[in-house]
Amino acid sequence: MPHAVTEYGLGTPPSASRGTLVHVGNNLVWAILATIFCCLPTGIVAIVYAAQVDGKVSAGDTAGARESARLSAIWSWVSFGVGLFFGLGWIALVLLGHSFGR
């Protein structure tokens, strides 16, 4: 009795073979805005993760695309938080300097 041979990992991904691609938001606009207005280093990390989303979707890696989109959103919020922290700290220092008359 011949054994059936099963090959894994060959062919096109299931989502691409049916012709329907899943849309995953890449958060690129938020990553760019967070980079420009808030914090450059963490914003760049957000942009890198956002840039990975579309490539992973087109390769059929929906789970990887969603993970990159999630990390992009997290790093955008981190950038916003860091920018807000330093912005408010700067305002506090300016007000403190003015209160001592310097």
PDB file of N, CA and C in Angstrom:
ATOM      1  N   MET A   1       0.845  -1.168   0.000  1.00  0.00           N
ATOM      2  CA  MET A   1       0.000   0.000   0.000  1.00  0.00           C
ATOM      3  C   MET A   1       0.896   1.239   0.000  1.00  0.00           C
ATOM      4  N   PRO A   2       0.785   2.109  -1.004  1.00  0.00           N
ATOM      5  CA  PRO A   2       1.640   3.297  -1.065  1.00  0.00           C
ATOM      6  C   PRO A   2       1.207   4.327  -0.030  1.00  0.00           C
ATOM      7  N   HIS A   3       2.207   5.017   0.499  1.00  0.00           N
ATOM      8  CA  HIS A   3       1.950   6.067   1.484  1.00  0.00           C
ATOM      9  C   HIS A   3       1.772   7.394   0.763  1.00  0.00           C
ATOM     10  N   ALA A   4       0.860   8.192   1.244  1.00  0.00           N
ATOM     11  CA  ALA A   4       0.642   9.519   0.673  1.00  0.00           C
ATOM     12  C   ALA A   4       1.741  10.453   1.165  1.00  0.00           C
ATOM     13  N   VAL A   5       2.294  11.207   0.261  1.00  0.00           N
ATOM     14  CA  VAL A   5       3.344  12.159   0.604  1.00  0.00           C
ATOM     15  C   VAL A   5       2.705  13.541   0.746  1.00  0.00           C
ATOM     16  N   THR A   6       2.907  14.145   1.883  1.00  0.00           N
ATOM     17  CA  THR A   6       2.373  15.478   2.139  1.00  0.00           C
ATOM     18  C   THR A   6       3.534  16.456   2.170  1.00  0.00           C
ATOM     19  N   GLU A   7       3.414  17.515   1.387  1.00  0.00           N
ATOM     20  CA  GLU A   7       4.460  18.534   1.341  1.00  0.00           C
ATOM     21  C   GLU A   7       3.933  19.794   2.010  1.00  0.00           C
ATOM     22  N   TYR A   8       4.689  20.296   2.932  1.00  0.00           N
ATOM     23  CA  TYR A   8       4.299  21.502   3.659  1.00  0.00           C
ATOM     24  C   TYR A   8       5.184  22.670   3.223  1.00  0.00           C
ATOM     25  N   GLY A   9       4.584  23.845   3.206  1.00  0.00           N
ATOM     26  CA  GLY A   9       5.349  25.051   2.924  1.00  0.00           C
ATOM     27  C   GLY A   9       5.544  25.339   1.452  1.00  0.00           C
ATOM     28  N   LEU A  10       4.911  24.584   0.582  1.00  0.00           N
ATOM     29  CA  LEU A  10       5.052  24.828  -0.847  1.00  0.00           C
ATOM     30  C   LEU A  10       3.796  25.492  -1.384  1.00  0.00           C
ATOM     31  N   GLY A  11       3.949  26.258  -2.440  1.00  0.00           N
ATOM     32  CA  GLY A  11       2.797  26.910  -3.053  1.00  0.00           C
ATOM     33  C   GLY A  11       2.579  28.299  -2.494  1.00  0.00           C
ATOM     34  N   THR A  12       1.449  28.859  -2.867  1.00  0.00           N
ATOM     35  CA  THR A  12       1.125  30.210  -2.420  1.00  0.00           C
ATOM     36  C   THR A  12       0.393  30.152  -1.095  1.00  0.00           C
ATOM     37  N   PRO A  13       0.471  31.212  -0.321  1.00  0.00           N
ATOM     38  CA  PRO A  13      -0.247  31.242   0.951  1.00  0.00           C
ATOM     39  C   PRO A  13      -1.752  31.139   0.716  1.00  0.00           C
ATOM     40  N   PRO A  14      -2.510  30.613   1.679  1.00  0.00           N
ATOM     41  CA  PRO A  14      -3.943  30.434   1.491  1.00  0.00           C
ATOM     42  C   PRO A  14      -4.693  31.715   1.170  1.00  0.00           C
ATOM     43  N   SER A  15      -4.350  32.836   1.821  1.00  0.00           N
ATOM     44  CA  SER A  15      -5.086  34.070   1.560  1.00  0.00           C
ATOM     45  C   SER A  15      -4.782  34.609   0.165  1.00  0.00           C
ATOM     46  N   ALA A  16      -3.561  34.417  -0.328  1.00  0.00           N
ATOM     47  CA  ALA A  16      -3.214  34.914  -1.649  1.00  0.00           C
ATOM     48  C   ALA A  16      -3.729  33.988  -2.748  1.00  0.00           C
ATOM     49  N   SER A  17      -3.898  32.700  -2.463  1.00  0.00           N
ATOM     50  CA  SER A  17      -4.339  31.770  -3.485  1.00  0.00           C
ATOM     51  C   SER A  17      -5.801  31.990  -3.839  1.00  0.00           C
ATOM     52  N   ARG A  18      -6.595  32.476  -2.915  1.00  0.00           N
ATOM     53  CA  ARG A  18      -8.000  32.752  -3.196  1.00  0.00           C
ATOM     54  C   ARG A  18      -8.183  34.117  -3.844  1.00  0.00           C
ATOM     55  N   GLY A  19      -7.141  34.923  -3.909  1.00  0.00           N
ATOM     56  CA  GLY A  19      -7.240  36.242  -4.524  1.00  0.00           C
ATOM     57  C   GLY A  19      -7.765  37.316  -3.587  1.00  0.00           C
ATOM     58  N   THR A  20      -7.987  36.996  -2.348  1.00  0.00           N
ATOM     59  CA  THR A  20      -8.461  37.994  -1.390  1.00  0.00           C
ATOM     60  C   THR A  20      -7.366  38.253  -0.372  1.00  0.00           C
ATOM     61  N   LEU A  21      -6.936  39.470  -0.315  1.00  0.00           N
ATOM     62  CA  LEU A  21      -5.927  39.854   0.657  1.00  0.00           C
ATOM     63  C   LEU A  21      -6.599  40.583   1.816  1.00  0.00           C
ATOM     64  N   VAL A  22      -6.148  40.313   2.989  1.00  0.00           N
ATOM     65  CA  VAL A  22      -6.681  40.937   4.186  1.00  0.00           C
ATOM     66  C   VAL A  22      -6.073  42.327   4.315  1.00  0.00           C
ATOM     67  N   HIS A  23      -6.899  43.289   4.669  1.00  0.00           N
ATOM     68  CA  HIS A  23      -6.386  44.654   4.880  1.00  0.00           C
ATOM     69  C   HIS A  23      -5.985  44.814   6.340  1.00  0.00           C
ATOM     70  N   VAL A  24      -4.751  45.219   6.538  1.00  0.00           N
ATOM     71  CA  VAL A  24      -4.244  45.507   7.877  1.00  0.00           C
ATOM     72  C   VAL A  24      -3.725  46.939   7.850  1.00  0.00           C
ATOM     73  N   GLY A  25      -4.255  47.785   8.718  1.00  0.00           N
ATOM     74  CA  GLY A  25      -3.797  49.174   8.788  1.00  0.00           C
ATOM     75  C   GLY A  25      -2.357  49.234   9.269  1.00  0.00           C
ATOM     76  N   ASN A  26      -1.543  50.049   8.611  1.00  0.00           N
ATOM     77  CA  ASN A  26      -0.117  50.037   8.937  1.00  0.00           C
ATOM     78  C   ASN A  26       0.307  51.143   9.907  1.00  0.00           C
ATOM     79  N   ASN A  27      -0.553  52.091  10.233  1.00  0.00           N
ATOM     80  CA  ASN A  27      -0.248  53.174  11.189  1.00  0.00           C
ATOM     81  C   ASN A  27       0.931  54.038  10.745  1.00  0.00           C
ATOM     82  N   LEU A  28       1.212  54.080   9.465  1.00  0.00           N
ATOM     83  CA  LEU A  28       2.372  54.830   8.980  1.00  0.00           C
ATOM     84  C   LEU A  28       2.229  56.330   9.198  1.00  0.00           C
ATOM     85  N   VAL A  29       1.030  56.851   8.995  1.00  0.00           N
ATOM     86  CA  VAL A  29       0.820  58.299   9.187  1.00  0.00           C
ATOM     87  C   VAL A  29       1.099  58.691  10.641  1.00  0.00           C
ATOM     88  N   TRP A  30       0.574  57.890  11.580  1.00  0.00           N
ATOM     89  CA  TRP A  30       0.801  58.194  13.002  1.00  0.00           C
ATOM     90  C   TRP A  30       2.267  58.064  13.376  1.00  0.00           C
ATOM     91  N   ALA A  31       2.939  57.077  12.786  1.00  0.00           N
ATOM     92  CA  ALA A  31       4.363  56.901  13.070  1.00  0.00           C
ATOM     93  C   ALA A  31       5.178  58.090  12.566  1.00  0.00           C
ATOM     94  N   ILE A  32       4.837  58.579  11.381  1.00  0.00           N
ATOM     95  CA  ILE A  32       5.555  59.736  10.826  1.00  0.00           C
ATOM     96  C   ILE A  32       5.286  60.990  11.656  1.00  0.00           C
ATOM     97  N   LEU A  33       4.022  61.205  12.018  1.00  0.00           N
ATOM     98  CA  LEU A  33       3.697  62.381  12.838  1.00  0.00           C
ATOM     99  C   LEU A  33       4.363  62.318  14.204  1.00  0.00           C
ATOM    100  N   ALA A  34       4.391  61.138  14.807  1.00  0.00           N
ATOM    101  CA  ALA A  34       5.055  60.990  16.104  1.00  0.00           C
ATOM    102  C   ALA A  34       6.550  61.236  15.981  1.00  0.00           C
ATOM    103  N   THR A  35       7.129  60.835  14.857  1.00  0.00           N
ATOM    104  CA  THR A  35       8.559  61.061  14.640  1.00  0.00           C
ATOM    105  C   THR A  35       8.866  62.544  14.480  1.00  0.00           C
ATOM    106  N   ILE A  36       8.042  63.234  13.702  1.00  0.00           N
ATOM    107  CA  ILE A  36       8.297  64.650  13.434  1.00  0.00           C
ATOM    108  C   ILE A  36       8.056  65.513  14.664  1.00  0.00           C
ATOM    109  N   PHE A  37       6.945  65.280  15.348  1.00  0.00           N
ATOM    110  CA  PHE A  37       6.527  66.193  16.407  1.00  0.00           C
ATOM    111  C   PHE A  37       6.885  65.747  17.822  1.00  0.00           C
ATOM    112  N   CYS A  38       7.212  64.495  18.020  1.00  0.00           N
ATOM    113  CA  CYS A  38       7.377  64.020  19.402  1.00  0.00           C
ATOM    114  C   CYS A  38       8.797  63.569  19.716  1.00  0.00           C
ATOM    115  N   CYS A  39       9.194  62.416  19.207  1.00  0.00           N
ATOM    116  CA  CYS A  39      10.496  61.865  19.595  1.00  0.00           C
ATOM    117  C   CYS A  39      11.077  61.097  18.414  1.00  0.00           C
ATOM    118  N   LEU A  40      12.197  61.544  17.932  1.00  0.00           N
ATOM    119  CA  LEU A  40      12.803  60.967  16.737  1.00  0.00           C
ATOM    120  C   LEU A  40      13.215  59.500  16.887  1.00  0.00           C
ATOM    121  N   PRO A  41      13.946  59.100  17.916  1.00  0.00           N
ATOM    122  CA  PRO A  41      14.400  57.696  17.965  1.00  0.00           C
ATOM    123  C   PRO A  41      13.265  56.679  18.047  1.00  0.00           C
ATOM    124  N   THR A  42      12.291  56.914  18.917  1.00  0.00           N
ATOM    125  CA  THR A  42      11.197  55.952  19.022  1.00  0.00           C
ATOM    126  C   THR A  42      10.250  56.049  17.834  1.00  0.00           C
ATOM    127  N   GLY A  43      10.162  57.209  17.232  1.00  0.00           N
ATOM    128  CA  GLY A  43       9.351  57.358  16.025  1.00  0.00           C
ATOM    129  C   GLY A  43       9.922  56.592  14.850  1.00  0.00           C
ATOM    130  N   ILE A  44      11.233  56.534  14.742  1.00  0.00           N
ATOM    131  CA  ILE A  44      11.867  55.766  13.674  1.00  0.00           C
ATOM    132  C   ILE A  44      11.561  54.283  13.829  1.00  0.00           C
ATOM    133  N   VAL A  45      11.560  53.803  15.055  1.00  0.00           N
ATOM    134  CA  VAL A  45      11.200  52.400  15.301  1.00  0.00           C
ATOM    135  C   VAL A  45       9.761  52.157  14.846  1.00  0.00           C
ATOM    136  N   ALA A  46       8.865  53.089  15.140  1.00  0.00           N
ATOM    137  CA  ALA A  46       7.470  52.963  14.709  1.00  0.00           C
ATOM    138  C   ALA A  46       7.356  52.948  13.190  1.00  0.00           C
ATOM    139  N   ILE A  47       8.143  53.773  12.505  1.00  0.00           N
ATOM    140  CA  ILE A  47       8.119  53.804  11.044  1.00  0.00           C
ATOM    141  C   ILE A  47       8.621  52.482  10.467  1.00  0.00           C
ATOM    142  N   VAL A  48       9.651  51.913  11.053  1.00  0.00           N
ATOM    143  CA  VAL A  48      10.190  50.639  10.565  1.00  0.00           C
ATOM    144  C   VAL A  48       9.134  49.541  10.670  1.00  0.00           C
ATOM    145  N   TYR A  49       8.451  49.467  11.805  1.00  0.00           N
ATOM    146  CA  TYR A  49       7.404  48.452  11.964  1.00  0.00           C
ATOM    147  C   TYR A  49       6.242  48.721  11.007  1.00  0.00           C
ATOM    148  N   ALA A  50       5.874  49.982  10.812  1.00  0.00           N
ATOM    149  CA  ALA A  50       4.779  50.314   9.898  1.00  0.00           C
ATOM    150  C   ALA A  50       5.129  49.951   8.456  1.00  0.00           C
ATOM    151  N   ALA A  51       6.392  50.107   8.095  1.00  0.00           N
ATOM    152  CA  ALA A  51       6.817  49.781   6.730  1.00  0.00           C
ATOM    153  C   ALA A  51       6.803  48.275   6.465  1.00  0.00           C
ATOM    154  N   GLN A  52       6.862  47.466   7.501  1.00  0.00           N
ATOM    155  CA  GLN A  52       6.857  46.015   7.333  1.00  0.00           C
ATOM    156  C   GLN A  52       5.467  45.452   7.066  1.00  0.00           C
ATOM    157  N   VAL A  53       4.424  46.193   7.401  1.00  0.00           N
ATOM    158  CA  VAL A  53       3.065  45.661   7.364  1.00  0.00           C
ATOM    159  C   VAL A  53       2.648  45.266   5.945  1.00  0.00           C
ATOM    160  N   ASP A  54       2.769  46.171   4.989  1.00  0.00           N
ATOM    161  CA  ASP A  54       2.292  45.891   3.638  1.00  0.00           C
ATOM    162  C   ASP A  54       3.043  44.739   2.983  1.00  0.00           C
ATOM    163  N   GLY A  55       4.331  44.642   3.236  1.00  0.00           N
ATOM    164  CA  GLY A  55       5.107  43.536   2.692  1.00  0.00           C
ATOM    165  C   GLY A  55       4.660  42.194   3.253  1.00  0.00           C
ATOM    166  N   LYS A  56       4.347  42.180   4.525  1.00  0.00           N
ATOM    167  CA  LYS A  56       3.895  40.926   5.142  1.00  0.00           C
ATOM    168  C   LYS A  56       2.502  40.549   4.661  1.00  0.00           C
ATOM    169  N   VAL A  57       1.636  41.537   4.442  1.00  0.00           N
ATOM    170  CA  VAL A  57       0.305  41.241   3.922  1.00  0.00           C
ATOM    171  C   VAL A  57       0.409  40.665   2.515  1.00  0.00           C
ATOM    172  N   SER A  58       1.235  41.270   1.670  1.00  0.00           N
ATOM    173  CA  SER A  58       1.368  40.767   0.302  1.00  0.00           C
ATOM    174  C   SER A  58       2.032  39.393   0.250  1.00  0.00           C
ATOM    175  N   ALA A  59       2.826  39.056   1.260  1.00  0.00           N
ATOM    176  CA  ALA A  59       3.442  37.730   1.323  1.00  0.00           C
ATOM    177  C   ALA A  59       2.495  36.697   1.932  1.00  0.00           C
ATOM    178  N   GLY A  60       1.346  37.150   2.424  1.00  0.00           N
ATOM    179  CA  GLY A  60       0.384  36.234   3.010  1.00  0.00           C
ATOM    180  C   GLY A  60       0.546  36.022   4.497  1.00  0.00           C
ATOM    181  N   ASP A  61       1.459  36.747   5.115  1.00  0.00           N
ATOM    182  CA  ASP A  61       1.700  36.613   6.553  1.00  0.00           C
ATOM    183  C   ASP A  61       0.809  37.597   7.311  1.00  0.00           C
ATOM    184  N   THR A  62      -0.465  37.251   7.429  1.00  0.00           N
ATOM    185  CA  THR A  62      -1.422  38.141   8.072  1.00  0.00           C
ATOM    186  C   THR A  62      -1.114  38.320   9.554  1.00  0.00           C
ATOM    187  N   ALA A  63      -0.753  37.247  10.229  1.00  0.00           N
ATOM    188  CA  ALA A  63      -0.439  37.340  11.658  1.00  0.00           C
ATOM    189  C   ALA A  63       0.788  38.220  11.878  1.00  0.00           C
ATOM    190  N   GLY A  64       1.800  38.073  11.056  1.00  0.00           N
ATOM    191  CA  GLY A  64       2.992  38.918  11.161  1.00  0.00           C
ATOM    192  C   GLY A  64       2.685  40.371  10.861  1.00  0.00           C
ATOM    193  N   ALA A  65       1.792  40.600   9.886  1.00  0.00           N
ATOM    194  CA  ALA A  65       1.407  41.970   9.547  1.00  0.00           C
ATOM    195  C   ALA A  65       0.661  42.620  10.694  1.00  0.00           C
ATOM    196  N   ARG A  66      -0.229  41.860  11.326  1.00  0.00           N
ATOM    197  CA  ARG A  66      -0.956  42.417  12.466  1.00  0.00           C
ATOM    198  C   ARG A  66      -0.028  42.698  13.639  1.00  0.00           C
ATOM    199  N   GLU A  67       0.952  41.838  13.834  1.00  0.00           N
ATOM    200  CA  GLU A  67       1.925  42.055  14.911  1.00  0.00           C
ATOM    201  C   GLU A  67       2.766  43.306  14.635  1.00  0.00           C
ATOM    202  N   SER A  68       3.213  43.491  13.389  1.00  0.00           N
ATOM    203  CA  SER A  68       3.983  44.694  13.045  1.00  0.00           C
ATOM    204  C   SER A  68       3.136  45.942  13.193  1.00  0.00           C
ATOM    205  N   ALA A  69       1.855  45.868  12.812  1.00  0.00           N
ATOM    206  CA  ALA A  69       0.960  47.020  12.974  1.00  0.00           C
ATOM    207  C   ALA A  69       0.761  47.339  14.453  1.00  0.00           C
ATOM    208  N   ARG A  70       0.631  46.293  15.276  1.00  0.00           N
ATOM    209  CA  ARG A  70       0.467  46.500  16.716  1.00  0.00           C
ATOM    210  C   ARG A  70       1.714  47.148  17.313  1.00  0.00           C
ATOM    211  N   LEU A  71       2.889  46.666  16.911  1.00  0.00           N
ATOM    212  CA  LEU A  71       4.137  47.243  17.425  1.00  0.00           C
ATOM    213  C   LEU A  71       4.336  48.670  16.923  1.00  0.00           C
ATOM    214  N   SER A  72       3.904  48.941  15.699  1.00  0.00           N
ATOM    215  CA  SER A  72       3.989  50.300  15.179  1.00  0.00           C
ATOM    216  C   SER A  72       3.124  51.249  16.000  1.00  0.00           C
ATOM    217  N   ALA A  73       1.921  50.810  16.349  1.00  0.00           N
ATOM    218  CA  ALA A  73       1.040  51.644  17.166  1.00  0.00           C
ATOM    219  C   ALA A  73       1.626  51.855  18.560  1.00  0.00           C
ATOM    220  N   ILE A  74       2.189  50.796  19.123  1.00  0.00           N
ATOM    221  CA  ILE A  74       2.794  50.920  20.460  1.00  0.00           C
ATOM    222  C   ILE A  74       3.943  51.926  20.431  1.00  0.00           C
ATOM    223  N   TRP A  75       4.834  51.806  19.455  1.00  0.00           N
ATOM    224  CA  TRP A  75       5.977  52.712  19.392  1.00  0.00           C
ATOM    225  C   TRP A  75       5.557  54.141  19.049  1.00  0.00           C
ATOM    226  N   SER A  76       4.466  54.301  18.307  1.00  0.00           N
ATOM    227  CA  SER A  76       3.943  55.650  18.058  1.00  0.00           C
ATOM    228  C   SER A  76       3.466  56.281  19.358  1.00  0.00           C
ATOM    229  N   TRP A  77       2.764  55.499  20.188  1.00  0.00           N
ATOM    230  CA  TRP A  77       2.307  56.001  21.475  1.00  0.00           C
ATOM    231  C   TRP A  77       3.469  56.264  22.419  1.00  0.00           C
ATOM    232  N   VAL A  78       4.489  55.412  22.375  1.00  0.00           N
ATOM    233  CA  VAL A  78       5.683  55.647  23.198  1.00  0.00           C
ATOM    234  C   VAL A  78       6.340  56.965  22.785  1.00  0.00           C
ATOM    235  N   SER A  79       6.436  57.185  21.487  1.00  0.00           N
ATOM    236  CA  SER A  79       7.019  58.426  20.982  1.00  0.00           C
ATOM    237  C   SER A  79       6.202  59.631  21.429  1.00  0.00           C
ATOM    238  N   PHE A  80       4.883  59.505  21.341  1.00  0.00           N
ATOM    239  CA  PHE A  80       4.017  60.583  21.806  1.00  0.00           C
ATOM    240  C   PHE A  80       4.208  60.839  23.297  1.00  0.00           C
ATOM    241  N   GLY A  81       4.286  59.779  24.085  1.00  0.00           N
ATOM    242  CA  GLY A  81       4.467  59.925  25.527  1.00  0.00           C
ATOM    243  C   GLY A  81       5.795  60.558  25.891  1.00  0.00           C
ATOM    244  N   VAL A  82       6.862  60.144  25.218  1.00  0.00           N
ATOM    245  CA  VAL A  82       8.183  60.716  25.488  1.00  0.00           C
ATOM    246  C   VAL A  82       8.202  62.198  25.105  1.00  0.00           C
ATOM    247  N   GLY A  83       7.616  62.521  23.954  1.00  0.00           N
ATOM    248  CA  GLY A  83       7.551  63.919  23.527  1.00  0.00           C
ATOM    249  C   GLY A  83       6.738  64.764  24.485  1.00  0.00           C
ATOM    250  N   LEU A  84       5.622  64.204  24.959  1.00  0.00           N
ATOM    251  CA  LEU A  84       4.789  64.924  25.919  1.00  0.00           C
ATOM    252  C   LEU A  84       5.523  65.128  27.244  1.00  0.00           C
ATOM    253  N   PHE A  85       6.221  64.098  27.693  1.00  0.00           N
ATOM    254  CA  PHE A  85       6.973  64.188  28.948  1.00  0.00           C
ATOM    255  C   PHE A  85       8.034  65.287  28.874  1.00  0.00           C
ATOM    256  N   PHE A  86       8.831  65.273  27.804  1.00  0.00           N
ATOM    257  CA  PHE A  86       9.891  66.284  27.694  1.00  0.00           C
ATOM    258  C   PHE A  86       9.331  67.666  27.396  1.00  0.00           C
ATOM    259  N   GLY A  87       8.230  67.739  26.660  1.00  0.00           N
ATOM    260  CA  GLY A  87       7.604  69.033  26.395  1.00  0.00           C
ATOM    261  C   GLY A  87       7.072  69.673  27.660  1.00  0.00           C
ATOM    262  N   LEU A  88       6.372  68.868  28.463  1.00  0.00           N
ATOM    263  CA  LEU A  88       5.854  69.398  29.729  1.00  0.00           C
ATOM    264  C   LEU A  88       6.986  69.710  30.709  1.00  0.00           C
ATOM    265  N   GLY A  89       8.035  68.902  30.693  1.00  0.00           N
ATOM    266  CA  GLY A  89       9.199  69.182  31.540  1.00  0.00           C
ATOM    267  C   GLY A  89       9.870  70.488  31.159  1.00  0.00           C
ATOM    268  N   TRP A  90       9.972  70.743  29.868  1.00  0.00           N
ATOM    269  CA  TRP A  90      10.573  71.992  29.395  1.00  0.00           C
ATOM    270  C   TRP A  90       9.713  73.172  29.820  1.00  0.00           C
ATOM    271  N   ILE A  91       8.392  73.059  29.673  1.00  0.00           N
ATOM    272  CA  ILE A  91       7.495  74.137  30.093  1.00  0.00           C
ATOM    273  C   ILE A  91       7.618  74.381  31.597  1.00  0.00           C
ATOM    274  N   ALA A  92       7.708  73.300  32.360  1.00  0.00           N
ATOM    275  CA  ALA A  92       7.859  73.448  33.815  1.00  0.00           C
ATOM    276  C   ALA A  92       9.164  74.155  34.163  1.00  0.00           C
ATOM    277  N   LEU A  93      10.244  73.805  33.462  1.00  0.00           N
ATOM    278  CA  LEU A  93      11.519  74.476  33.729  1.00  0.00           C
ATOM    279  C   LEU A  93      11.489  75.943  33.351  1.00  0.00           C
ATOM    280  N   VAL A  94      10.814  76.279  32.235  1.00  0.00           N
ATOM    281  CA  VAL A  94      10.694  77.691  31.832  1.00  0.00           C
ATOM    282  C   VAL A  94       9.892  78.468  32.856  1.00  0.00           C
ATOM    283  N   LEU A  95       8.791  77.890  33.315  1.00  0.00           N
ATOM    284  CA  LEU A  95       7.978  78.584  34.326  1.00  0.00           C
ATOM    285  C   LEU A  95       8.734  78.703  35.635  1.00  0.00           C
ATOM    286  N   LEU A  96       9.484  77.702  35.989  1.00  0.00           N
ATOM    287  CA  LEU A  96      10.291  77.765  37.208  1.00  0.00           C
ATOM    288  C   LEU A  96      11.373  78.831  37.085  1.00  0.00           C
ATOM    289  N   GLY A  97      11.987  78.916  35.906  1.00  0.00           N
ATOM    290  CA  GLY A  97      12.998  79.966  35.689  1.00  0.00           C
ATOM    291  C   GLY A  97      12.411  81.369  35.755  1.00  0.00           C
ATOM    292  N   HIS A  98      11.215  81.537  35.215  1.00  0.00           N
ATOM    293  CA  HIS A  98      10.573  82.848  35.272  1.00  0.00           C
ATOM    294  C   HIS A  98      10.123  83.205  36.697  1.00  0.00           C
ATOM    295  N   SER A  99       9.775  82.207  37.459  1.00  0.00           N
ATOM    296  CA  SER A  99       9.328  82.495  38.826  1.00  0.00           C
ATOM    297  C   SER A  99      10.501  82.948  39.704  1.00  0.00           C
ATOM    298  N   PHE A 100      11.730  82.541  39.371  1.00  0.00           N
ATOM    299  CA  PHE A 100      12.899  83.011  40.124  1.00  0.00           C
ATOM    300  C   PHE A 100      13.523  84.237  39.502  1.00  0.00           C
ATOM    301  N   GLY A 101      12.931  84.746  38.437  1.00  0.00           N
ATOM    302  CA  GLY A 101      13.362  86.013  37.850  1.00  0.00           C
ATOM    303  C   GLY A 101      14.594  85.917  36.974  1.00  0.00           C
ATOM    304  N   ARG A 102      14.875  84.760  36.432  1.00  0.00           N
ATOM    305  CA  ARG A 102      16.051  84.641  35.569  1.00  0.00           C
ATOM    306  C   ARG A 102      15.657  84.500  34.150  1.00  0.00           C
TER     307      ARG A 102
END
